[in-house]
Amino acid sequence: MRSVGRLRSRASRLGLTLIEIIIVMTIIAVVSGMAIAGSMQLPSARLRRSATMIASAVKVAYTRATATSRDLRLVLDLDKQRIWLEEGDAPMLVQNTGKYANGGAQAITEAEKEALVEGDKILKGPPIPKPRFEPIDAYGFGDVDGDKGGKPLQTDIKFRAVQTTHDDTPRTSGRAYLYFWPGGRTERAVIQLRIGDSEESSRILTVMVSPLTGKIAVKSGPKELEVPTDDEHASDRQDTGY
C-alpha cells in the first residue's frame, strides 16, 4: 500500500512539473514572438516618426513665414541626417543655379561659395545683394551647429533624396533647402527617407509638400517630383494636396 501511495505521489509531482514546463514554454514562445515582431516593426516606426518630424517642421515654417512676414527656409542636411529652420533678413526670389543651388540666398557651404563665385564671374554689372539666413530656435528646430538644437532623424533613418522646385535634379548629398514666403506660399517638394541604405520600396517613405497650402502627403516608396509645365501652372491655384 505504501508503495502504491508513493507512486501516486511521484506521479502527481511529475504531472505538476510537466504543467509548469508547458506554461513556461508557452510564455517563452509568446515573449519571443513579441520580440521578433517588435524588432521588425521598430525601424518602420522610426521611419514614420522621422516623416512626421519633417511634416511638423514644414507646418512651423509655413505658419511662421506668414505670421512674421519673413522668408524662411527648411534646411535638410543629407550628410548629417538633420534638419533645422532659418529666417531671412530680406525678401528673396528662388533661383535655379545648377548643382549647388541655394535659392538665391547667401552661400553657406564651401561648395555653394565656389559655385557662386564662378557664377558672379559670368554675370555682368554689380552683384545683386543676397539675403542672409540665420538659424532660429522655433519649437526646437534651431541651429544644428550652434547648440540651439536642430532635429536629427531617428536612429538609422537617412535621407535618400530631396528635390524642390528650384532644383534641377534630386539632391543626394550636401544640403537641400525648402523655402517659405509670407502670404502662405512654399515650394513643391519631395523628401525621400529610408531605413539605412535600403532600396526596398517598403522601407522608403516620401514626404510630399504642396506649394500653396504647405499640405503634407506621406507616400510609401520613392516618389519623384512632378513639376508642372507652363500650361499646368494654373492647376496650382486649385490645390489638390500635391
C-alpha atoms as a PDB file:
ATOM      1  CA  MET A   1       0.000   0.000   0.000  1.00  0.00           C
ATOM      2  CA  ARG A   2       2.791   2.374   0.869  1.00  0.00           C
ATOM      3  CA  SER A   3       4.461   1.640  -2.460  1.00  0.00           C
ATOM      4  CA  VAL A   4       1.271   2.485  -4.329  1.00  0.00           C
ATOM      5  CA  GLY A   5       0.932   5.739  -2.384  1.00  0.00           C
ATOM      6  CA  ARG A   6       4.481   6.708  -3.137  1.00  0.00           C
ATOM      7  CA  LEU A   7       3.975   6.034  -6.819  1.00  0.00           C
ATOM      8  CA  ARG A   8       0.844   8.145  -6.889  1.00  0.00           C
ATOM      9  CA  SER A   9       2.661  10.964  -5.087  1.00  0.00           C
ATOM     10  CA  ARG A  10       5.528  10.815  -7.571  1.00  0.00           C
ATOM     11  CA  ALA A  11       3.085  10.803 -10.487  1.00  0.00           C
ATOM     12  CA  SER A  12       1.302  13.775  -9.011  1.00  0.00           C
ATOM     13  CA  ARG A  13       4.572  15.675  -8.629  1.00  0.00           C
ATOM     14  CA  LEU A  14       5.646  14.690 -12.139  1.00  0.00           C
ATOM     15  CA  GLY A  15       2.342  15.854 -13.597  1.00  0.00           C
ATOM     16  CA  LEU A  16       2.626  19.226 -11.884  1.00  0.00           C
ATOM     17  CA  THR A  17       6.164  19.625 -13.176  1.00  0.00           C
ATOM     18  CA  LEU A  18       5.054  18.921 -16.743  1.00  0.00           C
ATOM     19  CA  ILE A  19       2.277  21.535 -16.477  1.00  0.00           C
ATOM     20  CA  GLU A  20       4.766  24.083 -15.189  1.00  0.00           C
ATOM     21  CA  ILE A  21       7.127  23.313 -18.059  1.00  0.00           C
ATOM     22  CA  ILE A  22       4.341  23.721 -20.602  1.00  0.00           C
ATOM     23  CA  ILE A  23       3.354  27.086 -19.090  1.00  0.00           C
ATOM     24  CA  VAL A  24       6.963  28.318 -19.113  1.00  0.00           C
ATOM     25  CA  MET A  25       7.471  27.220 -22.709  1.00  0.00           C
ATOM     26  CA  THR A  26       4.260  28.971 -23.726  1.00  0.00           C
ATOM     27  CA  ILE A  27       5.389  32.206 -22.061  1.00  0.00           C
ATOM     28  CA  ILE A  28       8.788  31.984 -23.743  1.00  0.00           C
ATOM     29  CA  ALA A  29       7.137  31.441 -27.138  1.00  0.00           C
ATOM     30  CA  VAL A  30       4.838  34.455 -26.656  1.00  0.00           C
ATOM     31  CA  VAL A  31       7.656  36.747 -25.486  1.00  0.00           C
ATOM     32  CA  SER A  32       9.925  35.600 -28.340  1.00  0.00           C
ATOM     33  CA  GLY A  33       7.172  36.251 -30.866  1.00  0.00           C
ATOM     34  CA  MET A  34       6.583  39.732 -29.495  1.00  0.00           C
ATOM     35  CA  ALA A  35      10.321  40.480 -29.577  1.00  0.00           C
ATOM     36  CA  ILE A  36      10.655  39.332 -33.185  1.00  0.00           C
ATOM     37  CA  ALA A  37       7.593  41.314 -34.257  1.00  0.00           C
ATOM     38  CA  GLY A  38       8.832  44.370 -32.397  1.00  0.00           C
ATOM     39  CA  SER A  39      12.279  44.189 -33.970  1.00  0.00           C
ATOM     40  CA  MET A  40      10.674  44.128 -37.423  1.00  0.00           C
ATOM     41  CA  GLN A  41       8.282  46.999 -36.719  1.00  0.00           C
ATOM     42  CA  LEU A  42      10.711  49.268 -34.855  1.00  0.00           C
ATOM     43  CA  PRO A  43      12.609  50.558 -37.919  1.00  0.00           C
ATOM     44  CA  SER A  44       9.313  51.278 -39.689  1.00  0.00           C
ATOM     45  CA  ALA A  45       8.098  53.182 -36.640  1.00  0.00           C
ATOM     46  CA  ARG A  46      11.280  55.276 -36.626  1.00  0.00           C
ATOM     47  CA  LEU A  47      10.811  55.946 -40.330  1.00  0.00           C
ATOM     48  CA  ARG A  48       7.262  57.209 -39.738  1.00  0.00           C
ATOM     49  CA  ARG A  49       8.374  59.369 -36.803  1.00  0.00           C
ATOM     50  CA  SER A  50      11.056  60.996 -38.966  1.00  0.00           C
ATOM     51  CA  ALA A  51       8.482  61.743 -41.663  1.00  0.00           C
ATOM     52  CA  THR A  52       6.177  63.237 -39.021  1.00  0.00           C
ATOM     53  CA  MET A  53       9.002  65.426 -37.713  1.00  0.00           C
ATOM     54  CA  ILE A  54       9.672  66.838 -41.184  1.00  0.00           C
ATOM     55  CA  ALA A  55       5.959  67.452 -41.685  1.00  0.00           C
ATOM     56  CA  SER A  56       5.916  69.375 -38.382  1.00  0.00           C
ATOM     57  CA  ALA A  57       8.871  71.499 -39.485  1.00  0.00           C
ATOM     58  CA  VAL A  58       7.078  72.358 -42.728  1.00  0.00           C
ATOM     59  CA  LYS A  59       3.968  73.451 -40.812  1.00  0.00           C
ATOM     60  CA  VAL A  60       6.024  75.558 -38.390  1.00  0.00           C
ATOM     61  CA  ALA A  61       7.880  77.295 -41.237  1.00  0.00           C
ATOM     62  CA  TYR A  62       4.719  77.837 -43.273  1.00  0.00           C
ATOM     63  CA  THR A  63       2.888  79.407 -40.317  1.00  0.00           C
ATOM     64  CA  ARG A  64       5.838  81.472 -39.099  1.00  0.00           C
ATOM     65  CA  ALA A  65       6.551  82.948 -42.539  1.00  0.00           C
ATOM     66  CA  THR A  66       3.007  84.300 -42.683  1.00  0.00           C
ATOM     67  CA  ALA A  67       2.939  85.462 -39.058  1.00  0.00           C
ATOM     68  CA  THR A  68       6.276  87.324 -39.191  1.00  0.00           C
ATOM     69  CA  SER A  69       6.216  88.412 -42.872  1.00  0.00           C
ATOM     70  CA  ARG A  70       9.712  86.959 -43.199  1.00  0.00           C
ATOM     71  CA  ASP A  71      11.129  84.479 -45.662  1.00  0.00           C
ATOM     72  CA  LEU A  72      12.114  81.151 -44.097  1.00  0.00           C
ATOM     73  CA  ARG A  73      13.764  78.001 -45.264  1.00  0.00           C
ATOM     74  CA  LEU A  74      13.929  74.454 -44.006  1.00  0.00           C
ATOM     75  CA  VAL A  75      17.492  73.163 -44.186  1.00  0.00           C
ATOM     76  CA  LEU A  76      17.911  69.431 -44.731  1.00  0.00           C
ATOM     77  CA  ASP A  77      21.450  68.183 -44.164  1.00  0.00           C
ATOM     78  CA  LEU A  78      21.693  64.981 -46.185  1.00  0.00           C
ATOM     79  CA  ASP A  79      25.114  64.120 -44.787  1.00  0.00           C
ATOM     80  CA  LYS A  80      24.391  64.632 -41.090  1.00  0.00           C
ATOM     81  CA  GLN A  81      20.750  63.485 -41.311  1.00  0.00           C
ATOM     82  CA  ARG A  82      19.470  66.591 -39.515  1.00  0.00           C
ATOM     83  CA  ILE A  83      17.047  69.449 -40.194  1.00  0.00           C
ATOM     84  CA  TRP A  84      16.632  72.991 -38.895  1.00  0.00           C
ATOM     85  CA  LEU A  85      14.926  76.286 -39.763  1.00  0.00           C
ATOM     86  CA  GLU A  86      16.494  79.548 -40.867  1.00  0.00           C
ATOM     87  CA  GLU A  87      14.991  83.023 -41.301  1.00  0.00           C
ATOM     88  CA  GLY A  88      15.967  85.585 -43.950  1.00  0.00           C
ATOM     89  CA  ASP A  89      16.778  89.251 -43.303  1.00  0.00           C
ATOM     90  CA  ALA A  90      15.447  90.463 -46.666  1.00  0.00           C
ATOM     91  CA  PRO A  91      12.961  89.366 -49.359  1.00  0.00           C
ATOM     92  CA  MET A  92      14.327  86.997 -51.972  1.00  0.00           C
ATOM     93  CA  LEU A  93      13.423  85.150 -55.142  1.00  0.00           C
ATOM     94  CA  VAL A  94      14.257  81.491 -55.547  1.00  0.00           C
ATOM     95  CA  GLN A  95      16.577  80.827 -58.468  1.00  0.00           C
ATOM     96  CA  ASN A  96      17.915  77.777 -60.229  1.00  0.00           C
ATOM     97  CA  THR A  97      21.684  77.968 -60.060  1.00  0.00           C
ATOM     98  CA  GLY A  98      22.659  74.441 -61.014  1.00  0.00           C
ATOM     99  CA  LYS A  99      24.121  71.717 -58.867  1.00  0.00           C
ATOM    100  CA  TYR A 100      24.838  73.932 -55.885  1.00  0.00           C
ATOM    101  CA  ALA A 101      21.623  75.955 -55.993  1.00  0.00           C
ATOM    102  CA  ASN A 102      20.807  77.579 -52.672  1.00  0.00           C
ATOM    103  CA  GLY A 103      17.757  79.516 -53.770  1.00  0.00           C
ATOM    104  CA  GLY A 104      19.483  82.848 -54.324  1.00  0.00           C
ATOM    105  CA  ALA A 105      20.414  83.104 -50.643  1.00  0.00           C
ATOM    106  CA  GLN A 106      23.845  83.779 -49.256  1.00  0.00           C
ATOM    107  CA  ALA A 107      26.122  80.757 -49.686  1.00  0.00           C
ATOM    108  CA  ILE A 108      26.842  78.647 -46.610  1.00  0.00           C
ATOM    109  CA  THR A 109      28.910  75.616 -47.590  1.00  0.00           C
ATOM    110  CA  GLU A 110      32.223  75.792 -49.424  1.00  0.00           C
ATOM    111  CA  ALA A 111      30.718  74.127 -52.493  1.00  0.00           C
ATOM    112  CA  GLU A 112      27.989  76.773 -52.635  1.00  0.00           C
ATOM    113  CA  LYS A 113      30.521  79.579 -52.228  1.00  0.00           C
ATOM    114  CA  GLU A 114      32.682  78.244 -55.064  1.00  0.00           C
ATOM    115  CA  ALA A 115      29.678  77.850 -57.345  1.00  0.00           C
ATOM    116  CA  LEU A 116      28.504  81.406 -56.642  1.00  0.00           C
ATOM    117  CA  VAL A 117      31.986  82.850 -57.240  1.00  0.00           C
ATOM    118  CA  GLU A 118      32.097  81.194 -60.654  1.00  0.00           C
ATOM    119  CA  GLY A 119      28.593  82.433 -61.393  1.00  0.00           C
ATOM    120  CA  ASP A 120      29.475  86.008 -60.438  1.00  0.00           C
ATOM    121  CA  LYS A 121      32.345  85.974 -62.924  1.00  0.00           C
ATOM    122  CA  ILE A 122      29.871  85.313 -65.716  1.00  0.00           C
ATOM    123  CA  LEU A 123      27.277  87.864 -64.683  1.00  0.00           C
ATOM    124  CA  LYS A 124      27.759  91.440 -65.813  1.00  0.00           C
ATOM    125  CA  GLY A 125      27.037  94.530 -63.774  1.00  0.00           C
ATOM    126  CA  PRO A 126      27.032  94.978 -59.998  1.00  0.00           C
ATOM    127  CA  PRO A 127      26.166  91.898 -57.929  1.00  0.00           C
ATOM    128  CA  ILE A 128      22.656  91.682 -56.529  1.00  0.00           C
ATOM    129  CA  PRO A 129      22.616  91.644 -52.725  1.00  0.00           C
ATOM    130  CA  LYS A 130      21.561  88.269 -51.414  1.00  0.00           C
ATOM    131  CA  PRO A 131      19.603  87.833 -48.191  1.00  0.00           C
ATOM    132  CA  ARG A 132      21.360  86.300 -45.228  1.00  0.00           C
ATOM    133  CA  PHE A 133      19.628  83.422 -43.477  1.00  0.00           C
ATOM    134  CA  GLU A 134      20.154  82.880 -39.770  1.00  0.00           C
ATOM    135  CA  PRO A 135      19.050  79.851 -37.739  1.00  0.00           C
ATOM    136  CA  ILE A 136      16.039  80.339 -35.499  1.00  0.00           C
ATOM    137  CA  ASP A 137      15.060  78.412 -32.412  1.00  0.00           C
ATOM    138  CA  ALA A 138      11.421  77.654 -33.149  1.00  0.00           C
ATOM    139  CA  TYR A 139       9.941  74.582 -31.484  1.00  0.00           C
ATOM    140  CA  GLY A 140      13.406  73.059 -31.254  1.00  0.00           C
ATOM    141  CA  PHE A 141      14.200  73.488 -34.954  1.00  0.00           C
ATOM    142  CA  GLY A 142      17.295  75.554 -34.250  1.00  0.00           C
ATOM    143  CA  ASP A 143      20.858  75.756 -35.467  1.00  0.00           C
ATOM    144  CA  VAL A 144      22.465  72.365 -35.936  1.00  0.00           C
ATOM    145  CA  ASP A 145      25.980  73.772 -35.418  1.00  0.00           C
ATOM    146  CA  GLY A 146      25.347  76.395 -32.751  1.00  0.00           C
ATOM    147  CA  ASP A 147      23.961  74.342 -29.858  1.00  0.00           C
ATOM    148  CA  LYS A 148      20.463  75.684 -30.448  1.00  0.00           C
ATOM    149  CA  GLY A 149      19.072  72.270 -31.149  1.00  0.00           C
ATOM    150  CA  GLY A 150      18.217  71.221 -34.630  1.00  0.00           C
ATOM    151  CA  LYS A 151      16.421  67.945 -35.137  1.00  0.00           C
ATOM    152  CA  PRO A 152      18.152  64.676 -36.070  1.00  0.00           C
ATOM    153  CA  LEU A 153      16.339  61.947 -37.910  1.00  0.00           C
ATOM    154  CA  GLN A 154      15.581  58.814 -35.934  1.00  0.00           C
ATOM    155  CA  THR A 155      18.328  56.227 -35.460  1.00  0.00           C
ATOM    156  CA  ASP A 156      19.337  54.527 -38.738  1.00  0.00           C
ATOM    157  CA  ILE A 157      16.912  56.678 -40.762  1.00  0.00           C
ATOM    158  CA  LYS A 158      18.530  58.536 -43.641  1.00  0.00           C
ATOM    159  CA  PHE A 159      17.654  60.936 -46.441  1.00  0.00           C
ATOM    160  CA  ARG A 160      17.542  59.109 -49.741  1.00  0.00           C
ATOM    161  CA  ALA A 161      16.948  62.144 -51.978  1.00  0.00           C
ATOM    162  CA  VAL A 162      15.425  65.619 -51.776  1.00  0.00           C
ATOM    163  CA  GLN A 163      14.157  67.779 -54.620  1.00  0.00           C
ATOM    164  CA  THR A 164      12.352  71.111 -54.602  1.00  0.00           C
ATOM    165  CA  THR A 165      11.080  73.267 -57.435  1.00  0.00           C
ATOM    166  CA  HIS A 166      14.303  75.295 -57.685  1.00  0.00           C
ATOM    167  CA  ASP A 167      16.462  72.158 -58.016  1.00  0.00           C
ATOM    168  CA  ASP A 168      17.073  70.773 -61.486  1.00  0.00           C
ATOM    169  CA  THR A 169      17.814  67.289 -60.146  1.00  0.00           C
ATOM    170  CA  PRO A 170      17.313  65.478 -56.834  1.00  0.00           C
ATOM    171  CA  ARG A 171      19.953  66.058 -54.191  1.00  0.00           C
ATOM    172  CA  THR A 172      21.542  63.030 -52.550  1.00  0.00           C
ATOM    173  CA  SER A 173      24.275  64.760 -50.540  1.00  0.00           C
ATOM    174  CA  GLY A 174      25.127  68.127 -49.049  1.00  0.00           C
ATOM    175  CA  ARG A 175      22.253  70.393 -48.064  1.00  0.00           C
ATOM    176  CA  ALA A 176      18.840  70.878 -49.584  1.00  0.00           C
ATOM    177  CA  TYR A 177      16.583  73.888 -48.951  1.00  0.00           C
ATOM    178  CA  LEU A 178      12.817  74.274 -48.925  1.00  0.00           C
ATOM    179  CA  TYR A 179      11.696  77.940 -48.972  1.00  0.00           C
ATOM    180  CA  PHE A 180       8.636  79.607 -47.440  1.00  0.00           C
ATOM    181  CA  TRP A 181       7.311  83.104 -48.145  1.00  0.00           C
ATOM    182  CA  PRO A 182       4.780  85.370 -46.415  1.00  0.00           C
ATOM    183  CA  GLY A 183       1.237  85.032 -47.666  1.00  0.00           C
ATOM    184  CA  GLY A 184       1.152  81.243 -47.496  1.00  0.00           C
ATOM    185  CA  ARG A 185       3.477  80.089 -50.257  1.00  0.00           C
ATOM    186  CA  THR A 186       6.164  77.459 -50.413  1.00  0.00           C
ATOM    187  CA  GLU A 187       7.738  75.173 -52.998  1.00  0.00           C
ATOM    188  CA  ARG A 188       6.583  71.887 -54.390  1.00  0.00           C
ATOM    189  CA  ALA A 189       8.930  69.309 -52.902  1.00  0.00           C
ATOM    190  CA  VAL A 190       9.575  65.616 -52.332  1.00  0.00           C
ATOM    191  CA  ILE A 191      11.693  64.388 -49.420  1.00  0.00           C
ATOM    192  CA  GLN A 192      12.577  60.704 -49.542  1.00  0.00           C
ATOM    193  CA  LEU A 193      13.523  58.888 -46.331  1.00  0.00           C
ATOM    194  CA  ARG A 194      14.722  55.334 -45.962  1.00  0.00           C
ATOM    195  CA  ILE A 195      15.812  52.802 -43.380  1.00  0.00           C
ATOM    196  CA  GLY A 196      19.593  52.615 -43.512  1.00  0.00           C
ATOM    197  CA  ASP A 197      20.793  52.190 -47.082  1.00  0.00           C
ATOM    198  CA  SER A 198      17.851  50.068 -48.164  1.00  0.00           C
ATOM    199  CA  GLU A 199      16.413  50.465 -51.648  1.00  0.00           C
ATOM    200  CA  GLU A 200      13.319  48.384 -50.942  1.00  0.00           C
ATOM    201  CA  SER A 201      10.149  50.353 -51.586  1.00  0.00           C
ATOM    202  CA  SER A 202       8.618  49.000 -48.384  1.00  0.00           C
ATOM    203  CA  ARG A 203      11.450  50.635 -46.391  1.00  0.00           C
ATOM    204  CA  ILE A 204      11.168  54.060 -48.051  1.00  0.00           C
ATOM    205  CA  LEU A 205       8.739  56.906 -47.348  1.00  0.00           C
ATOM    206  CA  THR A 206       8.313  60.103 -49.355  1.00  0.00           C
ATOM    207  CA  VAL A 207       7.138  63.349 -47.765  1.00  0.00           C
ATOM    208  CA  MET A 208       5.399  65.412 -50.462  1.00  0.00           C
ATOM    209  CA  VAL A 209       4.825  69.152 -49.971  1.00  0.00           C
ATOM    210  CA  SER A 210       2.085  71.113 -51.718  1.00  0.00           C
ATOM    211  CA  PRO A 211       3.159  74.598 -52.935  1.00  0.00           C
ATOM    212  CA  LEU A 212       0.089  76.644 -51.979  1.00  0.00           C
ATOM    213  CA  THR A 213      -1.107  75.288 -48.665  1.00  0.00           C
ATOM    214  CA  GLY A 214       2.002  73.544 -47.388  1.00  0.00           C
ATOM    215  CA  LYS A 215      -0.130  70.441 -47.109  1.00  0.00           C
ATOM    216  CA  ILE A 216       1.804  67.233 -46.494  1.00  0.00           C
ATOM    217  CA  ALA A 217       1.218  63.824 -48.037  1.00  0.00           C
ATOM    218  CA  VAL A 218       3.310  60.853 -46.918  1.00  0.00           C
ATOM    219  CA  LYS A 219       3.534  58.092 -49.501  1.00  0.00           C
ATOM    220  CA  SER A 220       5.111  54.647 -49.403  1.00  0.00           C
ATOM    221  CA  GLY A 221       8.087  54.110 -51.683  1.00  0.00           C
ATOM    222  CA  PRO A 222      10.231  56.622 -53.591  1.00  0.00           C
ATOM    223  CA  LYS A 223       8.165  59.305 -55.361  1.00  0.00           C
ATOM    224  CA  GLU A 224       9.582  61.735 -57.895  1.00  0.00           C
ATOM    225  CA  LEU A 225       8.959  65.487 -58.081  1.00  0.00           C
ATOM    226  CA  GLU A 226       6.267  66.299 -60.613  1.00  0.00           C
ATOM    227  CA  VAL A 227       6.973  69.800 -61.895  1.00  0.00           C
ATOM    228  CA  PRO A 228       4.032  71.362 -63.791  1.00  0.00           C
ATOM    229  CA  THR A 229       4.648  72.638 -67.309  1.00  0.00           C
ATOM    230  CA  ASP A 230       3.821  76.233 -68.244  1.00  0.00           C
ATOM    231  CA  ASP A 231       0.343  75.149 -69.304  1.00  0.00           C
ATOM    232  CA  GLU A 232      -0.189  73.377 -65.985  1.00  0.00           C
ATOM    233  CA  HIS A 233       0.803  76.174 -63.585  1.00  0.00           C
ATOM    234  CA  ALA A 234      -2.835  77.193 -63.307  1.00  0.00           C
ATOM    235  CA  SER A 235      -3.530  73.865 -61.627  1.00  0.00           C
ATOM    236  CA  ASP A 236      -1.504  75.035 -58.635  1.00  0.00           C
ATOM    237  CA  ARG A 237      -4.242  77.568 -57.927  1.00  0.00           C
ATOM    238  CA  GLN A 238      -6.524  74.655 -57.194  1.00  0.00           C
ATOM    239  CA  ASP A 239      -4.530  72.854 -54.571  1.00  0.00           C
ATOM    240  CA  THR A 240      -5.298  69.143 -54.631  1.00  0.00           C
ATOM    241  CA  GLY A 241      -2.829  68.354 -51.866  1.00  0.00           C
ATOM    242  CA  TYR A 242       0.262  67.930 -54.008  1.00  0.00           C
END
